[in-house]
Amino acid sequence: MNESPDTAMNQSYRCRDCGSEVGFRSRRRTLTERFILPLLLLQPVRCGECFRRDYRLIFTPVRDRLSDAPRMMPGKQPAPTSNRNVA
């Protein structure tokens, strides 16, 4: 074991299932994930390739969550592009 403590805490993400190096933060679902995992310095992470969900140290560099697709507000119409009436 030639790893220093700093190296062990800053390891890059690698999926244990498919070996991908692309990981995203995942939402915390349960009370345990919201309150217990931070005490253990863990966060939920999802693989970008196979979508496996796992827990990793908060020091592991991963990408932010992909934002949800923009949702249309009910009753709101899109703004007209011009004021001209075209037949």
N, C-alpha and C. Protein backbone atom coordinates (compact mmCIF):
# COMPACT_ATOMS: atom_id res chain seq x y z
N MET A 1 0.83 -1.17 0.00
CA MET A 1 0.00 0.00 0.00
C MET A 1 0.87 1.23 0.00
N ASN A 2 1.12 1.78 -1.17
CA ASN A 2 1.93 2.97 -1.31
C ASN A 2 1.10 4.23 -1.43
N GLU A 3 -0.19 4.12 -1.20
CA GLU A 3 -1.07 5.28 -1.34
C GLU A 3 -1.02 6.14 -0.09
N SER A 4 -0.93 7.45 -0.29
CA SER A 4 -1.02 8.36 0.84
C SER A 4 -2.50 8.58 1.16
N PRO A 5 -2.81 9.07 2.35
CA PRO A 5 -4.22 9.32 2.69
C PRO A 5 -4.89 10.30 1.74
N ASP A 6 -4.14 11.30 1.24
CA ASP A 6 -4.72 12.27 0.30
C ASP A 6 -5.10 11.59 -1.01
N THR A 7 -4.28 10.68 -1.50
CA THR A 7 -4.57 9.98 -2.75
C THR A 7 -5.79 9.10 -2.61
N ALA A 8 -5.95 8.44 -1.49
CA ALA A 8 -7.09 7.54 -1.27
C ALA A 8 -8.40 8.32 -1.25
N MET A 9 -8.37 9.58 -0.77
CA MET A 9 -9.60 10.35 -0.67
C MET A 9 -9.95 11.04 -1.98
N ASN A 10 -9.02 11.19 -2.90
CA ASN A 10 -9.28 11.89 -4.15
C ASN A 10 -9.25 10.96 -5.36
N GLN A 11 -9.61 9.71 -5.19
CA GLN A 11 -9.63 8.79 -6.31
C GLN A 11 -10.73 9.17 -7.28
N SER A 12 -10.47 9.01 -8.57
CA SER A 12 -11.50 9.32 -9.55
C SER A 12 -12.57 8.23 -9.55
N TYR A 13 -13.74 8.59 -10.04
CA TYR A 13 -14.86 7.66 -10.05
C TYR A 13 -14.63 6.57 -11.09
N ARG A 14 -14.94 5.33 -10.74
CA ARG A 14 -14.94 4.20 -11.67
C ARG A 14 -16.04 3.26 -11.23
N CYS A 15 -16.97 2.97 -12.16
CA CYS A 15 -18.09 2.08 -11.85
C CYS A 15 -17.58 0.68 -11.55
N ARG A 16 -18.10 0.08 -10.50
CA ARG A 16 -17.68 -1.27 -10.12
C ARG A 16 -18.31 -2.32 -11.01
N ASP A 17 -19.37 -1.94 -11.74
CA ASP A 17 -20.08 -2.90 -12.58
C ASP A 17 -19.52 -2.92 -14.01
N CYS A 18 -19.47 -1.74 -14.65
CA CYS A 18 -19.06 -1.69 -16.06
C CYS A 18 -17.69 -1.06 -16.28
N GLY A 19 -17.12 -0.40 -15.26
CA GLY A 19 -15.80 0.19 -15.38
C GLY A 19 -15.79 1.59 -15.96
N SER A 20 -16.95 2.18 -16.18
CA SER A 20 -17.03 3.53 -16.73
C SER A 20 -16.45 4.56 -15.76
N GLU A 21 -15.92 5.64 -16.30
CA GLU A 21 -15.37 6.71 -15.46
C GLU A 21 -16.31 7.90 -15.39
N VAL A 22 -17.54 7.76 -15.88
CA VAL A 22 -18.52 8.85 -15.87
C VAL A 22 -19.55 8.57 -14.78
N GLY A 23 -19.57 9.43 -13.76
CA GLY A 23 -20.51 9.28 -12.67
C GLY A 23 -21.21 10.59 -12.38
N PHE A 24 -22.46 10.51 -11.95
CA PHE A 24 -23.26 11.68 -11.63
C PHE A 24 -23.77 11.59 -10.21
N ARG A 25 -23.89 12.74 -9.54
CA ARG A 25 -24.53 12.75 -8.23
C ARG A 25 -25.96 12.30 -8.40
N SER A 26 -26.45 11.53 -7.45
CA SER A 26 -27.83 11.04 -7.48
C SER A 26 -28.60 11.69 -6.34
N ARG A 27 -29.91 11.76 -6.50
CA ARG A 27 -30.75 12.33 -5.44
C ARG A 27 -30.73 11.46 -4.20
N ARG A 28 -30.78 12.10 -3.06
CA ARG A 28 -30.90 11.37 -1.80
C ARG A 28 -32.37 11.06 -1.60
N ARG A 29 -32.70 9.78 -1.50
CA ARG A 29 -34.10 9.35 -1.48
C ARG A 29 -34.68 9.20 -0.09
N THR A 30 -33.99 8.52 0.78
CA THR A 30 -34.56 8.15 2.07
C THR A 30 -33.97 9.02 3.19
N LEU A 31 -34.56 8.91 4.36
CA LEU A 31 -34.03 9.62 5.52
C LEU A 31 -32.60 9.17 5.83
N THR A 32 -32.34 7.89 5.66
CA THR A 32 -31.00 7.38 5.89
C THR A 32 -30.00 8.06 4.95
N GLU A 33 -30.37 8.18 3.68
CA GLU A 33 -29.47 8.82 2.72
C GLU A 33 -29.31 10.30 2.99
N ARG A 34 -30.35 10.93 3.52
CA ARG A 34 -30.28 12.37 3.80
C ARG A 34 -29.49 12.70 5.05
N PHE A 35 -29.57 11.86 6.09
CA PHE A 35 -28.99 12.22 7.38
C PHE A 35 -27.83 11.33 7.83
N ILE A 36 -27.85 10.06 7.49
CA ILE A 36 -26.80 9.15 7.96
C ILE A 36 -25.59 9.15 7.02
N LEU A 37 -25.84 9.12 5.71
CA LEU A 37 -24.72 9.08 4.76
C LEU A 37 -23.77 10.27 4.91
N PRO A 38 -24.28 11.51 5.07
CA PRO A 38 -23.34 12.62 5.25
C PRO A 38 -22.45 12.47 6.49
N LEU A 39 -22.97 11.85 7.53
CA LEU A 39 -22.16 11.61 8.72
C LEU A 39 -21.02 10.64 8.42
N LEU A 40 -21.25 9.74 7.48
CA LEU A 40 -20.24 8.76 7.08
C LEU A 40 -19.40 9.26 5.89
N LEU A 41 -19.63 10.53 5.50
CA LEU A 41 -18.94 11.16 4.36
C LEU A 41 -19.20 10.42 3.05
N LEU A 42 -20.43 9.94 2.88
CA LEU A 42 -20.81 9.24 1.65
C LEU A 42 -21.91 10.01 0.92
N GLN A 43 -21.97 9.82 -0.40
CA GLN A 43 -23.03 10.41 -1.22
C GLN A 43 -23.48 9.39 -2.25
N PRO A 44 -24.77 9.42 -2.65
CA PRO A 44 -25.23 8.53 -3.71
C PRO A 44 -24.73 9.01 -5.06
N VAL A 45 -24.23 8.05 -5.87
CA VAL A 45 -23.67 8.34 -7.19
C VAL A 45 -24.25 7.34 -8.17
N ARG A 46 -24.56 7.81 -9.39
CA ARG A 46 -25.10 6.93 -10.43
C ARG A 46 -24.13 6.90 -11.60
N CYS A 47 -23.88 5.70 -12.14
CA CYS A 47 -23.01 5.53 -13.31
C CYS A 47 -23.69 6.13 -14.54
N GLY A 48 -22.93 6.82 -15.37
CA GLY A 48 -23.47 7.42 -16.57
C GLY A 48 -23.67 6.43 -17.70
N GLU A 49 -23.07 5.26 -17.62
CA GLU A 49 -23.18 4.26 -18.69
C GLU A 49 -24.22 3.19 -18.37
N CYS A 50 -24.09 2.53 -17.23
CA CYS A 50 -25.00 1.41 -16.91
C CYS A 50 -26.07 1.80 -15.90
N PHE A 51 -26.02 3.03 -15.36
CA PHE A 51 -27.01 3.59 -14.43
C PHE A 51 -27.06 2.87 -13.09
N ARG A 52 -26.00 2.16 -12.73
CA ARG A 52 -25.95 1.53 -11.41
C ARG A 52 -25.80 2.62 -10.35
N ARG A 53 -26.52 2.48 -9.28
CA ARG A 53 -26.49 3.45 -8.19
C ARG A 53 -25.64 2.90 -7.07
N ASP A 54 -24.76 3.75 -6.53
CA ASP A 54 -23.81 3.29 -5.53
C ASP A 54 -23.51 4.44 -4.57
N TYR A 55 -22.81 4.16 -3.49
CA TYR A 55 -22.41 5.19 -2.54
C TYR A 55 -20.90 5.35 -2.59
N ARG A 56 -20.45 6.61 -2.67
CA ARG A 56 -19.02 6.91 -2.73
C ARG A 56 -18.69 8.01 -1.75
N LEU A 57 -17.41 8.16 -1.43
CA LEU A 57 -16.97 9.24 -0.56
C LEU A 57 -17.30 10.58 -1.20
N ILE A 58 -17.62 11.55 -0.38
CA ILE A 58 -17.98 12.86 -0.91
C ILE A 58 -16.79 13.53 -1.60
N PHE A 59 -15.58 13.02 -1.39
CA PHE A 59 -14.39 13.59 -2.02
C PHE A 59 -14.16 13.05 -3.42
N THR A 60 -14.91 12.01 -3.82
CA THR A 60 -14.77 11.44 -5.16
C THR A 60 -15.35 12.42 -6.17
N PRO A 61 -14.56 12.87 -7.14
CA PRO A 61 -15.08 13.84 -8.12
C PRO A 61 -16.07 13.18 -9.09
N VAL A 62 -17.30 13.68 -9.09
CA VAL A 62 -18.33 13.23 -10.03
C VAL A 62 -19.03 14.47 -10.58
N ARG A 63 -19.76 14.30 -11.66
CA ARG A 63 -20.48 15.41 -12.28
C ARG A 63 -21.77 15.69 -11.52
N ASP A 64 -22.26 16.93 -11.67
CA ASP A 64 -23.55 17.28 -11.09
C ASP A 64 -24.65 16.54 -11.82
N ARG A 65 -25.80 16.42 -11.17
CA ARG A 65 -26.95 15.75 -11.78
C ARG A 65 -27.33 16.43 -13.07
N LEU A 66 -27.80 15.64 -14.02
CA LEU A 66 -28.36 16.21 -15.23
C LEU A 66 -29.71 16.81 -14.86
N SER A 67 -29.96 18.03 -15.29
CA SER A 67 -31.23 18.67 -14.94
C SER A 67 -32.36 18.00 -15.71
N ASP A 68 -33.51 18.02 -15.11
CA ASP A 68 -34.69 17.45 -15.76
C ASP A 68 -35.04 18.29 -16.97
N ALA A 69 -35.74 17.69 -17.91
CA ALA A 69 -36.18 18.43 -19.10
C ALA A 69 -37.10 19.56 -18.66
N PRO A 70 -37.00 20.72 -19.31
CA PRO A 70 -37.87 21.83 -18.90
C PRO A 70 -39.33 21.45 -19.05
N ARG A 71 -40.11 21.81 -18.06
CA ARG A 71 -41.52 21.43 -18.05
C ARG A 71 -42.36 22.64 -18.43
N MET A 72 -43.44 22.38 -19.16
CA MET A 72 -44.37 23.45 -19.54
C MET A 72 -45.27 23.75 -18.35
N MET A 73 -45.50 25.01 -18.11
CA MET A 73 -46.41 25.43 -17.05
C MET A 73 -47.84 25.32 -17.58
N PRO A 74 -48.76 24.68 -16.86
CA PRO A 74 -50.13 24.58 -17.34
C PRO A 74 -50.77 25.97 -17.45
N GLY A 75 -51.47 26.19 -18.56
CA GLY A 75 -52.16 27.45 -18.77
C GLY A 75 -51.28 28.55 -19.32
N LYS A 76 -50.00 28.29 -19.48
CA LYS A 76 -49.09 29.29 -20.02
C LYS A 76 -48.83 28.98 -21.47
N GLN A 77 -49.05 29.93 -22.33
CA GLN A 77 -48.82 29.75 -23.76
C GLN A 77 -47.44 30.29 -24.11
N PRO A 78 -46.77 29.69 -25.11
CA PRO A 78 -45.48 30.22 -25.52
C PRO A 78 -45.65 31.62 -26.12
N ALA A 79 -44.66 32.47 -25.93
CA ALA A 79 -44.72 33.84 -26.43
C ALA A 79 -44.72 33.85 -27.95
N PRO A 80 -45.53 34.71 -28.58
CA PRO A 80 -45.53 34.79 -30.04
C PRO A 80 -44.20 35.32 -30.53
N THR A 81 -43.77 34.82 -31.72
CA THR A 81 -42.48 35.23 -32.25
C THR A 81 -42.57 36.58 -32.97
N SER A 82 -43.74 36.92 -33.48
CA SER A 82 -43.90 38.23 -34.12
C SER A 82 -45.36 38.68 -33.95
N ASN A 83 -45.60 39.96 -34.19
CA ASN A 83 -46.93 40.51 -34.06
C ASN A 83 -47.70 40.53 -35.38
N ARG A 84 -47.11 40.04 -36.43
CA ARG A 84 -47.77 40.03 -37.74
C ARG A 84 -48.74 38.88 -37.85
N ASN A 85 -49.89 39.13 -38.48
CA ASN A 85 -50.82 38.06 -38.79
C ASN A 85 -50.50 37.54 -40.17
N VAL A 86 -50.30 36.25 -40.29
CA VAL A 86 -49.97 35.65 -41.57
C VAL A 86 -51.09 34.71 -41.95
N ALA A 87 -51.56 34.86 -43.21
CA ALA A 87 -52.69 34.05 -43.65
C ALA A 87 -52.28 32.66 -44.06
